[in-house]
Amino acid sequence: MSMKLYVGNLSFQTSSEDLQQLFGQAGTVESASVIEDRETGRSRGFGFVEMSTNEEGQAAIAQFNGKEINGRSLTVNEARAREERGGGGRGGFSGGGGGNREPRW
């Protein structure tokens, strides 16, 4: 079973090919893509890498999370399914509102 990784805090110079080569050091890369802005075509500073096995995915997280590439420390973790992230985003938003009311002096 393959494992999809989220890779954040990328330098804007980092390409999909760079990700493919970098993560290839940890195992077999099924796919690698840097997410680009639809209008400008510029990197949005994050991407996704799919490793061919769960073990390789864990190895890539261990090897590259916090590693400095092109002057930026990468954030690497297991990508969440879109549905979960959307639901979490809404929950986080309303939770954030509640957070503002929390402190009692």
N, C-alpha and C. Protein backbone atom coordinates (compact mmCIF):
# COMPACT_ATOMS: atom_id res chain seq x y z
N MET A 1 0.85 -1.19 0.00
CA MET A 1 0.00 0.00 0.00
C MET A 1 0.89 1.25 0.00
N SER A 2 0.65 2.13 -0.94
CA SER A 2 1.48 3.33 -1.02
C SER A 2 1.10 4.34 0.07
N MET A 3 1.99 5.28 0.28
CA MET A 3 1.76 6.30 1.32
C MET A 3 1.98 7.67 0.70
N LYS A 4 1.01 8.55 0.88
CA LYS A 4 1.12 9.90 0.33
C LYS A 4 1.61 10.84 1.42
N LEU A 5 2.63 11.63 1.08
CA LEU A 5 3.22 12.56 2.03
C LEU A 5 2.95 14.00 1.62
N TYR A 6 2.71 14.83 2.63
CA TYR A 6 2.62 16.27 2.42
C TYR A 6 4.02 16.83 2.67
N VAL A 7 4.50 17.68 1.78
CA VAL A 7 5.81 18.31 1.94
C VAL A 7 5.60 19.82 1.92
N GLY A 8 5.85 20.47 3.04
CA GLY A 8 5.61 21.90 3.15
C GLY A 8 6.88 22.69 3.36
N ASN A 9 6.74 24.02 3.30
CA ASN A 9 7.84 24.98 3.48
C ASN A 9 8.91 24.81 2.40
N LEU A 10 8.46 24.52 1.18
CA LEU A 10 9.40 24.36 0.06
C LEU A 10 9.87 25.73 -0.42
N SER A 11 11.12 25.77 -0.84
CA SER A 11 11.64 26.94 -1.54
C SER A 11 10.88 27.05 -2.86
N PHE A 12 10.63 28.28 -3.31
CA PHE A 12 9.88 28.46 -4.56
C PHE A 12 10.67 27.96 -5.77
N GLN A 13 11.99 27.72 -5.61
CA GLN A 13 12.79 27.18 -6.71
C GLN A 13 12.65 25.66 -6.83
N THR A 14 12.13 25.01 -5.79
CA THR A 14 12.06 23.55 -5.78
C THR A 14 11.00 23.07 -6.77
N SER A 15 11.39 22.18 -7.67
CA SER A 15 10.48 21.66 -8.69
C SER A 15 9.99 20.26 -8.31
N SER A 16 9.00 19.78 -9.06
CA SER A 16 8.52 18.41 -8.87
C SER A 16 9.65 17.41 -9.08
N GLU A 17 10.51 17.69 -10.06
CA GLU A 17 11.65 16.80 -10.34
C GLU A 17 12.60 16.77 -9.14
N ASP A 18 12.82 17.94 -8.52
CA ASP A 18 13.68 17.99 -7.34
C ASP A 18 13.12 17.11 -6.23
N LEU A 19 11.81 17.19 -6.02
CA LEU A 19 11.16 16.36 -4.99
C LEU A 19 11.35 14.89 -5.31
N GLN A 20 11.14 14.53 -6.57
CA GLN A 20 11.27 13.14 -7.01
C GLN A 20 12.67 12.62 -6.70
N GLN A 21 13.68 13.40 -7.05
CA GLN A 21 15.07 12.98 -6.82
C GLN A 21 15.38 12.89 -5.33
N LEU A 22 14.96 13.91 -4.58
CA LEU A 22 15.24 13.95 -3.15
C LEU A 22 14.62 12.75 -2.43
N PHE A 23 13.32 12.54 -2.64
CA PHE A 23 12.64 11.46 -1.92
C PHE A 23 13.02 10.09 -2.45
N GLY A 24 13.60 10.04 -3.65
CA GLY A 24 14.12 8.79 -4.19
C GLY A 24 15.23 8.22 -3.32
N GLN A 25 15.87 9.08 -2.52
CA GLN A 25 16.91 8.61 -1.60
C GLN A 25 16.33 7.74 -0.48
N ALA A 26 15.04 7.91 -0.21
CA ALA A 26 14.41 7.16 0.88
C ALA A 26 13.68 5.91 0.38
N GLY A 27 13.47 5.81 -0.93
CA GLY A 27 12.74 4.66 -1.45
C GLY A 27 12.17 4.95 -2.83
N THR A 28 11.20 4.14 -3.23
CA THR A 28 10.60 4.28 -4.56
C THR A 28 9.51 5.34 -4.55
N VAL A 29 9.68 6.34 -5.40
CA VAL A 29 8.70 7.43 -5.49
C VAL A 29 7.71 7.11 -6.60
N GLU A 30 6.43 7.00 -6.24
CA GLU A 30 5.38 6.73 -7.23
C GLU A 30 5.05 8.02 -7.99
N SER A 31 4.97 9.12 -7.27
CA SER A 31 4.69 10.41 -7.89
C SER A 31 5.18 11.53 -6.98
N ALA A 32 5.50 12.66 -7.58
CA ALA A 32 5.93 13.83 -6.82
C ALA A 32 5.43 15.06 -7.54
N SER A 33 4.75 15.94 -6.82
CA SER A 33 4.27 17.15 -7.48
C SER A 33 4.29 18.34 -6.53
N VAL A 34 4.84 19.44 -7.04
CA VAL A 34 4.82 20.71 -6.32
C VAL A 34 3.53 21.39 -6.76
N ILE A 35 2.75 21.88 -5.81
CA ILE A 35 1.49 22.53 -6.12
C ILE A 35 1.78 23.96 -6.59
N GLU A 36 1.18 24.32 -7.72
CA GLU A 36 1.41 25.65 -8.29
C GLU A 36 0.14 26.47 -8.26
N ASP A 37 0.33 27.78 -8.20
CA ASP A 37 -0.79 28.70 -8.27
C ASP A 37 -1.40 28.61 -9.67
N ARG A 38 -2.72 28.46 -9.76
CA ARG A 38 -3.37 28.28 -11.05
C ARG A 38 -3.17 29.47 -11.98
N GLU A 39 -3.18 30.67 -11.42
CA GLU A 39 -3.10 31.86 -12.28
C GLU A 39 -1.67 32.22 -12.67
N THR A 40 -0.72 32.13 -11.74
CA THR A 40 0.64 32.57 -12.03
C THR A 40 1.56 31.43 -12.43
N GLY A 41 1.21 30.18 -12.07
CA GLY A 41 2.08 29.05 -12.37
C GLY A 41 3.26 28.95 -11.42
N ARG A 42 3.32 29.84 -10.42
CA ARG A 42 4.42 29.78 -9.45
C ARG A 42 4.12 28.77 -8.36
N SER A 43 5.19 28.22 -7.78
CA SER A 43 5.05 27.27 -6.69
C SER A 43 4.31 27.92 -5.53
N ARG A 44 3.47 27.15 -4.86
CA ARG A 44 2.78 27.65 -3.67
C ARG A 44 3.52 27.26 -2.40
N GLY A 45 4.69 26.63 -2.56
CA GLY A 45 5.53 26.34 -1.41
C GLY A 45 5.23 25.01 -0.72
N PHE A 46 4.41 24.19 -1.38
CA PHE A 46 4.18 22.84 -0.82
C PHE A 46 3.87 21.88 -1.95
N GLY A 47 3.93 20.60 -1.61
CA GLY A 47 3.67 19.59 -2.62
C GLY A 47 3.35 18.25 -1.99
N PHE A 48 3.21 17.25 -2.82
CA PHE A 48 2.89 15.90 -2.35
C PHE A 48 3.82 14.90 -3.02
N VAL A 49 4.23 13.91 -2.24
CA VAL A 49 5.06 12.83 -2.75
C VAL A 49 4.39 11.53 -2.35
N GLU A 50 4.25 10.62 -3.30
CA GLU A 50 3.68 9.32 -3.00
C GLU A 50 4.78 8.28 -3.04
N MET A 51 5.02 7.65 -1.89
CA MET A 51 6.04 6.60 -1.79
C MET A 51 5.34 5.25 -2.02
N SER A 52 6.08 4.28 -2.56
CA SER A 52 5.42 3.03 -2.96
C SER A 52 4.98 2.15 -1.78
N THR A 53 5.62 2.30 -0.61
CA THR A 53 5.16 1.52 0.55
C THR A 53 5.07 2.42 1.78
N ASN A 54 4.32 1.94 2.75
CA ASN A 54 4.17 2.64 4.02
C ASN A 54 5.53 2.80 4.71
N GLU A 55 6.35 1.73 4.64
CA GLU A 55 7.67 1.75 5.27
C GLU A 55 8.55 2.84 4.65
N GLU A 56 8.51 2.93 3.32
CA GLU A 56 9.30 3.96 2.64
C GLU A 56 8.78 5.34 3.00
N GLY A 57 7.48 5.47 3.13
CA GLY A 57 6.89 6.74 3.54
C GLY A 57 7.39 7.16 4.91
N GLN A 58 7.39 6.21 5.86
CA GLN A 58 7.87 6.51 7.21
C GLN A 58 9.36 6.87 7.19
N ALA A 59 10.12 6.15 6.36
CA ALA A 59 11.56 6.43 6.24
C ALA A 59 11.78 7.84 5.69
N ALA A 60 10.97 8.23 4.71
CA ALA A 60 11.10 9.55 4.11
C ALA A 60 10.77 10.64 5.14
N ILE A 61 9.73 10.41 5.95
CA ILE A 61 9.38 11.38 7.00
C ILE A 61 10.56 11.53 7.96
N ALA A 62 11.10 10.39 8.39
CA ALA A 62 12.22 10.41 9.35
C ALA A 62 13.44 11.11 8.74
N GLN A 63 13.67 10.88 7.46
CA GLN A 63 14.86 11.41 6.81
C GLN A 63 14.74 12.90 6.46
N PHE A 64 13.55 13.34 6.05
CA PHE A 64 13.44 14.69 5.48
C PHE A 64 12.66 15.71 6.31
N ASN A 65 11.88 15.27 7.30
CA ASN A 65 11.16 16.25 8.12
C ASN A 65 12.17 17.09 8.90
N GLY A 66 12.14 18.41 8.70
CA GLY A 66 13.08 19.30 9.38
C GLY A 66 14.39 19.47 8.65
N LYS A 67 14.60 18.72 7.56
CA LYS A 67 15.86 18.83 6.80
C LYS A 67 15.85 20.12 5.97
N GLU A 68 17.00 20.78 5.94
CA GLU A 68 17.08 22.03 5.19
C GLU A 68 17.39 21.77 3.72
N ILE A 69 16.52 22.23 2.85
CA ILE A 69 16.68 22.12 1.40
C ILE A 69 16.51 23.51 0.82
N ASN A 70 17.47 23.97 0.04
CA ASN A 70 17.42 25.31 -0.55
C ASN A 70 17.15 26.39 0.49
N GLY A 71 17.73 26.22 1.68
CA GLY A 71 17.62 27.24 2.71
C GLY A 71 16.33 27.22 3.53
N ARG A 72 15.47 26.21 3.33
CA ARG A 72 14.23 26.13 4.10
C ARG A 72 14.13 24.76 4.76
N SER A 73 13.66 24.74 6.01
CA SER A 73 13.47 23.45 6.70
C SER A 73 12.15 22.84 6.26
N LEU A 74 12.21 21.67 5.67
CA LEU A 74 11.00 21.02 5.16
C LEU A 74 10.09 20.55 6.29
N THR A 75 8.80 20.57 6.02
CA THR A 75 7.81 19.92 6.87
C THR A 75 7.33 18.71 6.08
N VAL A 76 7.53 17.51 6.62
CA VAL A 76 7.10 16.30 5.91
C VAL A 76 6.26 15.46 6.85
N ASN A 77 5.02 15.18 6.45
CA ASN A 77 4.19 14.27 7.24
C ASN A 77 3.20 13.56 6.33
N GLU A 78 2.48 12.61 6.91
CA GLU A 78 1.54 11.85 6.10
C GLU A 78 0.41 12.78 5.67
N ALA A 79 0.10 12.76 4.37
CA ALA A 79 -0.97 13.61 3.86
C ALA A 79 -2.31 13.06 4.35
N ARG A 80 -3.19 13.95 4.73
CA ARG A 80 -4.54 13.55 5.14
C ARG A 80 -5.44 13.55 3.91
N ALA A 81 -6.47 12.72 3.95
CA ALA A 81 -7.43 12.73 2.84
C ALA A 81 -8.11 14.09 2.81
N ARG A 82 -8.46 14.54 1.62
CA ARG A 82 -9.06 15.87 1.46
C ARG A 82 -10.31 16.05 2.32
N GLU A 83 -11.16 15.01 2.38
CA GLU A 83 -12.41 15.11 3.13
C GLU A 83 -12.11 15.43 4.59
N GLU A 84 -11.14 14.70 5.15
CA GLU A 84 -10.80 14.91 6.56
C GLU A 84 -10.30 16.33 6.77
N ARG A 85 -9.44 16.80 5.86
CA ARG A 85 -8.85 18.12 6.04
C ARG A 85 -9.94 19.18 5.97
N GLY A 86 -10.89 19.02 5.03
CA GLY A 86 -11.98 19.98 4.90
C GLY A 86 -12.80 20.02 6.17
N GLY A 87 -13.16 18.85 6.70
CA GLY A 87 -13.95 18.77 7.93
C GLY A 87 -13.17 19.37 9.09
N GLY A 88 -11.87 19.04 9.16
CA GLY A 88 -11.03 19.56 10.23
C GLY A 88 -10.92 21.07 10.14
N GLY A 89 -10.87 21.58 8.92
CA GLY A 89 -10.76 23.03 8.72
C GLY A 89 -11.97 23.74 9.27
N ARG A 90 -13.14 23.20 8.99
CA ARG A 90 -14.36 23.84 9.51
C ARG A 90 -14.39 23.76 11.02
N GLY A 91 -14.06 22.58 11.54
CA GLY A 91 -14.05 22.41 13.00
C GLY A 91 -13.04 23.35 13.64
N GLY A 92 -11.87 23.46 12.98
CA GLY A 92 -10.83 24.33 13.50
C GLY A 92 -11.27 25.78 13.50
N PHE A 93 -12.04 26.16 12.50
CA PHE A 93 -12.47 27.56 12.39
C PHE A 93 -13.42 27.90 13.53
N SER A 94 -14.44 27.04 13.73
CA SER A 94 -15.38 27.34 14.81
C SER A 94 -14.69 27.16 16.16
N GLY A 95 -13.77 26.20 16.23
CA GLY A 95 -13.01 26.01 17.47
C GLY A 95 -12.16 27.23 17.77
N GLY A 96 -11.63 27.85 16.70
CA GLY A 96 -10.82 29.05 16.88
C GLY A 96 -11.64 30.17 17.49
N GLY A 97 -12.90 30.28 17.07
CA GLY A 97 -13.78 31.31 17.64
C GLY A 97 -13.98 31.06 19.12
N GLY A 98 -14.18 29.79 19.46
CA GLY A 98 -14.35 29.43 20.87
C GLY A 98 -13.09 29.72 21.66
N GLY A 99 -11.94 29.52 20.98
CA GLY A 99 -10.66 29.75 21.64
C GLY A 99 -10.50 31.20 22.08
N ASN A 100 -11.08 32.11 21.31
CA ASN A 100 -10.96 33.53 21.65
C ASN A 100 -11.74 33.87 22.91
N ARG A 101 -12.76 33.09 23.21
CA ARG A 101 -13.57 33.37 24.40
C ARG A 101 -13.01 32.69 25.65
N GLU A 102 -12.03 31.77 25.41
CA GLU A 102 -11.53 30.96 26.52
C GLU A 102 -10.95 31.72 27.72
N PRO A 103 -9.97 32.62 27.51
CA PRO A 103 -9.30 33.18 28.69
C PRO A 103 -10.28 33.89 29.62
N ARG A 104 -10.20 33.53 30.88
CA ARG A 104 -11.01 34.21 31.89
C ARG A 104 -10.04 34.88 32.84
N TRP A 105 -10.19 36.17 33.00
CA TRP A 105 -9.21 36.91 33.80
C TRP A 105 -9.52 36.76 35.23
